[in-house]
Structure formats: structure tokens, C-alpha cells
Amino acid sequence: MKQYNVLAEGKTLNIITTSPEHMIINGERFDYQSVNSDTELSQIKVGNKYFNVLCKKVTENDFELWIHHHVFKVKVEDSRSQLLSRFKEFSSSTLETVTVKAPMPGLVKAIEVTQGEMIEKGGGLIILEAMKMENEIRSIVLGRVKSIEVKLNSSVEKDQTLMIIEPIVED
């Protein structure tokens, strides 16, 4: 079961996929199936209605959907992206360093970078296991890893510093 918040046409939809054939949208259950799908155009059956859908990925969370000659801009956020968006409230161009903190208590399962390494915005930094789920902590800036403050297999508390990044301002 996965849960998403979808912003479409100024409305927020809470979508829970309960199985590959069922979903709950804002508390109402829908049966659906993908009838025909190729790389771009999909045919989806919802109840007794068929919809031709063309989906174009714009960014990691933003999509454009074409359904019956209408184009909808859609933003999809799962629990991980909602958590990350809370930490994107500041501008990297005004910071000397970015402190990456643990969003929850957990266990450091992997450190994906080394001190001094250049990292891309959105690049993986640390895998943190919490409640038997692995969560990848990603960089919100382009920069260089200044220091790594945790060790592999160490326990961390919420808001504990994991690493420090020196942002690089793109021209």
C-alpha cells in the first residue's frame, strides 16, 4: 500500500493504492486496470470507462497528463518527497554550508559519498533505515561534501547532523 498527495488543477488529492487493481482517492474506492500500455500512450479502465492517457515526466515529481484532449499539470508527492520538501525552504545561493540532518531516528545503512566528493543536486548521500524501511537522503544542492558526521551502522536521532555540504552556486 502506497500513499501519495497529488496536486492537479489547484486541487489536492489523497491517493492510496491498496493493490494493483484498487485505489482510494479522497476516501472513495476505485477499481482500475491498465488495459493497453506502450512506452507513451496507455489505456486505463476505471469502472466501466476507458481513458487514453499520455504521461510526460517534467521533473522528478512533476508530470503533464494528456487525457481526452486536455492537458493537466500534476505534482505527485510520496511520503519521502513530502519529507524532503520540508527541508528545501532555504536558498542555496545564500548559504556558506548546508547541514544535512536526519529527518527521523534510524540506523545508517549506507554512506553513498566520501568527504571532498562533488555531488549533484538530488544525488544520494546516505541510506537511513527507519521502521524497517530504507530511506535515501539526497542532496538539495550542488556542492562538495565538507564533512561526514556519522559512521556506517551507527544509530542517529531526529535532527542529528549527518553531513555538511559546501554549496556551489551555478552560473
Protein backbone atom coordinates (compact mmCIF):
# COMPACT_ATOMS: atom_id res chain seq x y z
CA MET A 1 0.00 0.00 0.00
CA LYS A 2 1.42 3.38 -1.03
CA GLN A 3 0.09 6.84 -0.32
CA TYR A 4 0.51 9.94 -2.49
CA ASN A 5 -0.63 13.53 -2.46
CA VAL A 6 -1.39 14.73 -5.98
CA LEU A 7 -1.83 18.42 -6.80
CA ALA A 8 -3.82 18.80 -10.02
CA GLU A 9 -5.70 21.84 -11.27
CA GLY A 10 -5.38 23.54 -7.89
CA LYS A 11 -6.89 20.59 -6.00
CA THR A 12 -5.07 18.20 -3.70
CA LEU A 13 -5.99 14.55 -3.97
CA ASN A 14 -5.00 11.96 -1.38
CA ILE A 15 -4.44 8.69 -3.27
CA ILE A 16 -3.82 5.35 -1.61
CA THR A 17 -3.02 2.36 -3.82
CA THR A 18 -4.31 -0.68 -1.96
CA SER A 19 -3.46 -3.19 -4.72
CA PRO A 20 -2.56 -3.15 -8.42
CA GLU A 21 -6.30 -3.00 -9.24
CA HIS A 22 -7.71 -0.78 -6.47
CA MET A 23 -7.10 2.73 -5.17
CA ILE A 24 -8.75 5.11 -2.77
CA ILE A 25 -9.00 8.76 -3.85
CA ASN A 26 -10.06 11.18 -1.09
CA GLY A 27 -11.78 8.32 0.72
CA GLU A 28 -13.63 6.88 -2.32
CA ARG A 29 -12.61 3.45 -3.66
CA PHE A 30 -11.97 2.98 -7.40
CA ASP A 31 -11.29 -0.18 -9.39
CA TYR A 32 -8.90 0.30 -12.30
CA GLN A 33 -6.68 -1.60 -14.67
CA SER A 34 -4.18 -0.76 -17.35
CA VAL A 35 -5.74 -2.30 -20.47
CA ASN A 36 -3.14 -1.39 -23.07
CA SER A 37 0.17 0.29 -22.41
CA ASP A 38 3.18 1.06 -24.54
CA THR A 39 6.05 3.44 -23.87
CA GLU A 40 3.95 6.61 -24.16
CA LEU A 41 0.22 6.01 -24.56
CA SER A 42 -1.72 3.96 -22.01
CA GLN A 43 -5.33 2.90 -21.95
CA ILE A 44 -6.77 2.74 -18.44
CA LYS A 45 -10.15 1.34 -17.43
CA VAL A 46 -11.74 2.99 -14.38
CA GLY A 47 -15.03 1.34 -13.50
CA ASN A 48 -16.72 0.89 -16.91
CA LYS A 49 -14.98 3.84 -18.62
CA TYR A 50 -11.84 3.72 -20.74
CA PHE A 51 -9.34 6.59 -20.86
CA ASN A 52 -6.40 7.11 -23.20
CA VAL A 53 -3.63 8.70 -21.16
CA LEU A 54 -0.31 10.14 -22.30
CA CYS A 55 2.09 10.92 -19.44
CA LYS A 56 5.16 13.13 -19.79
CA LYS A 57 7.60 13.41 -16.87
CA VAL A 58 8.73 17.03 -16.49
CA THR A 59 10.75 16.78 -13.25
CA GLU A 60 11.11 14.14 -10.55
CA ASN A 61 7.65 14.94 -9.11
CA ASP A 62 6.00 16.96 -11.92
CA PHE A 63 4.10 15.42 -14.81
CA GLU A 64 1.90 16.50 -17.71
CA LEU A 65 -1.05 14.21 -18.42
CA TRP A 66 -3.00 14.26 -21.66
CA ILE A 67 -6.48 12.80 -21.19
CA HIS A 68 -9.21 13.22 -23.83
CA HIS A 69 -7.63 16.30 -25.48
CA HIS A 70 -6.99 18.03 -22.14
CA VAL A 71 -3.55 18.60 -20.63
CA PHE A 72 -3.21 18.55 -16.85
CA LYS A 73 -0.13 19.59 -14.90
CA VAL A 74 0.23 17.26 -11.95
CA LYS A 75 2.60 17.21 -8.97
CA VAL A 76 2.93 13.84 -7.25
CA GLU A 77 4.47 13.55 -3.79
CA ASP A 78 5.00 10.36 -1.85
CA SER A 79 5.95 10.42 1.83
CA ARG A 80 9.68 10.68 1.01
CA SER A 81 9.32 13.69 -1.30
CA GLN A 82 6.96 15.39 1.19
CA LEU A 83 9.60 14.98 3.87
CA LEU A 84 12.34 16.34 1.61
CA SER A 85 10.28 19.36 0.58
CA ARG A 86 10.14 20.44 4.23
CA PHE A 87 13.93 20.83 4.12
CA LYS A 88 14.07 22.82 0.86
CA GLU A 89 12.82 26.07 2.36
CA PHE A 90 16.11 27.91 2.04
CA SER A 91 18.11 29.13 -0.95
CA SER A 92 21.49 27.53 -1.56
CA SER A 93 22.92 30.71 -3.08
CA THR A 94 22.82 32.49 0.30
CA LEU A 95 24.38 29.70 2.36
CA GLU A 96 28.01 29.07 3.21
CA THR A 97 27.27 25.47 4.18
CA VAL A 98 24.29 23.15 4.17
CA THR A 99 23.82 20.93 7.20
CA VAL A 100 22.11 17.66 6.30
CA LYS A 101 20.14 16.43 9.30
CA ALA A 102 18.36 13.17 9.99
CA PRO A 103 14.64 13.63 9.27
CA MET A 104 13.85 10.77 11.68
CA PRO A 105 15.64 8.46 14.11
CA GLY A 106 17.22 5.46 12.42
CA LEU A 107 20.26 3.41 11.50
CA VAL A 108 22.85 4.47 8.91
CA LYS A 109 22.80 1.57 6.42
CA ALA A 110 24.99 3.15 3.71
CA ILE A 111 27.05 6.27 3.12
CA GLU A 112 26.99 6.92 -0.61
CA VAL A 113 29.60 9.71 -0.77
CA THR A 114 33.07 10.47 0.59
CA GLN A 115 34.49 13.61 2.14
CA GLY A 116 35.60 16.06 -0.56
CA GLU A 117 33.41 14.45 -3.24
CA MET A 118 31.42 16.64 -5.64
CA ILE A 119 27.70 15.90 -5.52
CA GLU A 120 24.84 16.78 -7.82
CA LYS A 121 21.59 18.29 -6.64
CA GLY A 122 19.32 15.32 -5.97
CA GLY A 123 22.26 12.91 -5.64
CA GLY A 124 22.13 10.23 -2.96
CA LEU A 125 24.04 10.86 0.27
CA ILE A 126 23.01 8.38 2.97
CA ILE A 127 20.63 5.44 3.31
CA LEU A 128 18.84 5.66 6.65
CA GLU A 129 16.80 2.70 7.89
CA ALA A 130 13.77 3.67 9.96
CA MET A 131 10.84 1.45 10.91
CA LYS A 132 12.26 -1.37 8.71
CA MET A 133 12.23 0.87 5.62
CA GLU A 134 15.30 2.24 3.85
CA ASN A 135 15.12 5.98 3.11
CA GLU A 136 17.61 7.64 0.82
CA ILE A 137 18.66 11.10 1.97
CA ARG A 138 19.50 13.19 -1.11
CA SER A 139 21.35 16.43 -1.60
CA ILE A 140 19.26 19.54 -2.09
CA VAL A 141 22.22 21.45 -3.56
CA LEU A 142 25.09 21.08 -5.99
CA GLY A 143 28.24 21.08 -3.91
CA ARG A 144 31.17 19.37 -2.24
CA VAL A 145 30.97 17.15 0.86
CA LYS A 146 32.79 19.11 3.57
CA SER A 147 32.40 16.52 6.33
CA ILE A 148 30.57 13.32 7.18
CA GLU A 149 29.43 13.34 10.81
CA VAL A 150 28.18 9.73 11.14
CA LYS A 151 29.61 6.24 10.75
CA LEU A 152 28.20 3.23 8.92
CA ASN A 153 25.77 1.18 11.09
CA SER A 154 25.51 3.97 13.68
CA SER A 155 22.19 4.98 15.22
CA VAL A 156 21.06 8.58 14.73
CA GLU A 157 18.40 10.70 16.37
CA LYS A 158 15.97 13.03 14.62
CA ASP A 159 17.67 16.32 13.63
CA GLN A 160 21.16 14.90 14.26
CA THR A 161 23.73 16.26 11.80
CA LEU A 162 24.62 13.65 9.18
CA MET A 163 26.96 15.67 6.96
CA ILE A 164 27.91 19.17 5.92
CA ILE A 165 27.96 20.30 2.28
CA GLU A 166 29.58 23.38 0.76
CA PRO A 167 27.18 24.57 -1.96
CA ILE A 168 28.47 25.63 -5.35
CA VAL A 169 26.46 28.41 -6.97
CA GLU A 170 25.70 27.58 -10.60
CA ASP A 171 26.32 30.36 -13.11
